[in-house]
Amino acid sequence: MARLHVVALDARLPGWAEAACAEYARRMPKGYQVARLGSIPKKTRTVALDERGKDLTTVQFAELLKKETAFVIGGADGLDAEVKASAFMLLRLSSLTLPHALAQVVLLEQIYRAATLLTGHPYHRA
């Protein structure tokens, strides 16, 4: 089972975003478990979301789901330099600036999309 974590530092979600994130987490294919946390789990590979991070295709992003990974979203001022420096990768969700609530929804949808791609589900259409 691929254990995946979405870590949102200093972010409370409005109801619409909470509902959307919960729905994507609930729909994850068998073998994928997503936990939404407020802190980074110890000894977990981290992918830090940052505007200067790598742009990945869905297929490339799906590769990240093959190992236990914590995807980390910063607060209003972004992520601490130490978090970014220790991350396995910096990842950009978009070249646009996204509010934190929307970034979490987009991230959960992309995790769901990548997991369905890896399991052969038709949700993702290339």
Protein backbone atom coordinates (compact mmCIF):
# COMPACT_ATOMS: atom_id res chain seq x y z
CA MET A 1 0.00 0.00 0.00
CA ALA A 2 1.27 3.46 -0.86
CA ARG A 3 1.00 5.71 2.18
CA LEU A 4 0.70 9.30 1.11
CA HIS A 5 0.49 12.35 3.33
CA VAL A 6 -0.72 15.84 2.56
CA VAL A 7 0.78 18.19 5.11
CA ALA A 8 -0.70 21.69 5.19
CA LEU A 9 1.15 23.99 7.53
CA ASP A 10 -0.87 26.87 9.02
CA ALA A 11 -3.93 26.34 6.85
CA ARG A 12 -7.56 25.93 7.81
CA LEU A 13 -9.82 24.96 4.98
CA PRO A 14 -13.20 26.51 4.25
CA GLY A 15 -16.07 24.03 4.07
CA TRP A 16 -16.09 23.71 0.28
CA ALA A 17 -12.38 22.83 0.17
CA GLU A 18 -12.62 20.45 3.12
CA ALA A 19 -15.48 18.63 1.39
CA ALA A 20 -13.57 18.39 -1.91
CA CYS A 21 -10.37 17.11 -0.25
CA ALA A 22 -12.31 14.56 1.78
CA GLU A 23 -14.09 13.36 -1.35
CA TYR A 24 -10.84 12.78 -3.27
CA ALA A 25 -9.28 11.04 -0.26
CA ARG A 26 -12.37 8.79 0.03
CA ARG A 27 -12.24 7.88 -3.68
CA MET A 28 -8.61 6.75 -3.69
CA PRO A 29 -8.11 3.40 -5.38
CA LYS A 30 -7.47 0.34 -3.26
CA GLY A 31 -3.87 0.27 -2.14
CA TYR A 32 -3.56 4.04 -1.75
CA GLN A 33 -4.11 5.72 1.55
CA VAL A 34 -3.98 9.50 1.96
CA ALA A 35 -3.72 11.13 5.37
CA ARG A 36 -4.05 14.88 5.78
CA LEU A 37 -1.78 16.09 8.57
CA GLY A 38 -0.52 19.24 10.23
CA SER A 39 3.09 18.12 10.57
CA ILE A 40 5.63 16.21 8.50
CA PRO A 41 5.95 12.54 9.51
CA LYS A 42 9.45 11.45 10.53
CA LYS A 43 11.54 9.48 8.04
CA THR A 44 9.15 10.16 5.16
CA ARG A 45 10.25 11.35 1.75
CA THR A 46 9.00 14.91 1.38
CA VAL A 47 7.92 16.77 -1.71
CA ALA A 48 7.64 20.47 -0.95
CA LEU A 49 5.22 22.55 -2.99
CA ASP A 50 6.96 25.69 -4.17
CA GLU A 51 6.47 28.14 -7.03
CA ARG A 52 10.07 27.51 -8.13
CA GLY A 53 9.65 23.74 -8.14
CA LYS A 54 9.62 21.29 -11.02
CA ASP A 55 6.71 21.04 -13.43
CA LEU A 56 5.71 17.41 -13.84
CA THR A 57 3.31 15.67 -16.18
CA THR A 58 0.68 13.42 -14.63
CA VAL A 59 2.71 10.35 -15.61
CA GLN A 60 5.84 11.80 -13.97
CA PHE A 61 3.84 12.81 -10.89
CA ALA A 62 2.45 9.27 -10.63
CA GLU A 63 5.98 7.96 -10.09
CA LEU A 64 6.06 9.85 -6.77
CA LEU A 65 3.16 7.75 -5.52
CA LYS A 66 5.12 4.51 -5.69
CA LYS A 67 6.84 5.27 -2.35
CA GLU A 68 5.60 6.71 0.92
CA THR A 69 5.62 10.45 0.39
CA ALA A 70 4.57 13.56 2.29
CA PHE A 71 3.48 16.45 0.09
CA VAL A 72 4.02 19.67 2.06
CA ILE A 73 2.10 22.91 1.49
CA GLY A 74 3.39 26.01 3.29
CA GLY A 75 1.55 28.74 5.10
CA ALA A 76 0.89 32.29 3.89
CA ASP A 77 4.64 32.99 3.73
CA GLY A 78 5.51 29.73 1.99
CA LEU A 79 7.75 27.03 3.41
CA ASP A 80 10.73 27.45 5.69
CA ALA A 81 14.05 27.29 3.83
CA GLU A 82 15.05 24.26 5.94
CA VAL A 83 11.97 22.31 4.82
CA LYS A 84 12.71 23.09 1.19
CA ALA A 85 16.40 22.24 1.53
CA SER A 86 15.68 18.86 3.09
CA ALA A 87 12.94 17.93 0.59
CA PHE A 88 13.39 15.15 -1.94
CA MET A 89 11.93 17.51 -4.53
CA LEU A 90 10.37 20.93 -4.95
CA LEU A 91 7.16 20.67 -6.97
CA ARG A 92 5.14 23.41 -8.64
CA LEU A 93 1.40 22.76 -8.99
CA SER A 94 0.91 25.78 -11.21
CA SER A 95 2.69 28.86 -12.45
CA LEU A 96 -0.30 30.77 -11.10
CA THR A 97 -0.54 31.74 -7.46
CA LEU A 98 -3.18 29.55 -5.82
CA PRO A 99 -4.88 30.15 -2.48
CA HIS A 100 -3.94 27.44 0.01
CA ALA A 101 -7.41 25.91 0.04
CA LEU A 102 -7.45 25.56 -3.72
CA ALA A 103 -3.87 24.24 -3.77
CA GLN A 104 -4.92 21.44 -1.41
CA VAL A 105 -7.90 20.53 -3.59
CA VAL A 106 -5.73 20.54 -6.73
CA LEU A 107 -3.07 18.43 -5.01
CA LEU A 108 -5.61 15.85 -3.78
CA GLU A 109 -7.18 15.67 -7.24
CA GLN A 110 -3.77 15.13 -8.82
CA ILE A 111 -2.90 12.42 -6.30
CA TYR A 112 -6.23 10.76 -7.07
CA ARG A 113 -5.65 11.09 -10.83
CA ALA A 114 -2.12 9.64 -10.57
CA ALA A 115 -3.29 6.75 -8.37
CA THR A 116 -6.04 5.89 -10.86
CA LEU A 117 -3.49 6.01 -13.67
CA LEU A 118 -1.24 3.58 -11.80
CA THR A 119 -4.13 1.20 -11.16
CA GLY A 120 -5.45 1.28 -14.73
CA HIS A 121 -8.68 3.09 -13.85
CA PRO A 122 -10.09 5.16 -16.76
CA TYR A 123 -10.33 8.46 -14.78
CA HIS A 124 -7.11 9.72 -16.36
CA ARG A 125 -7.28 10.13 -20.11
CA ALA A 126 -3.96 10.84 -21.80
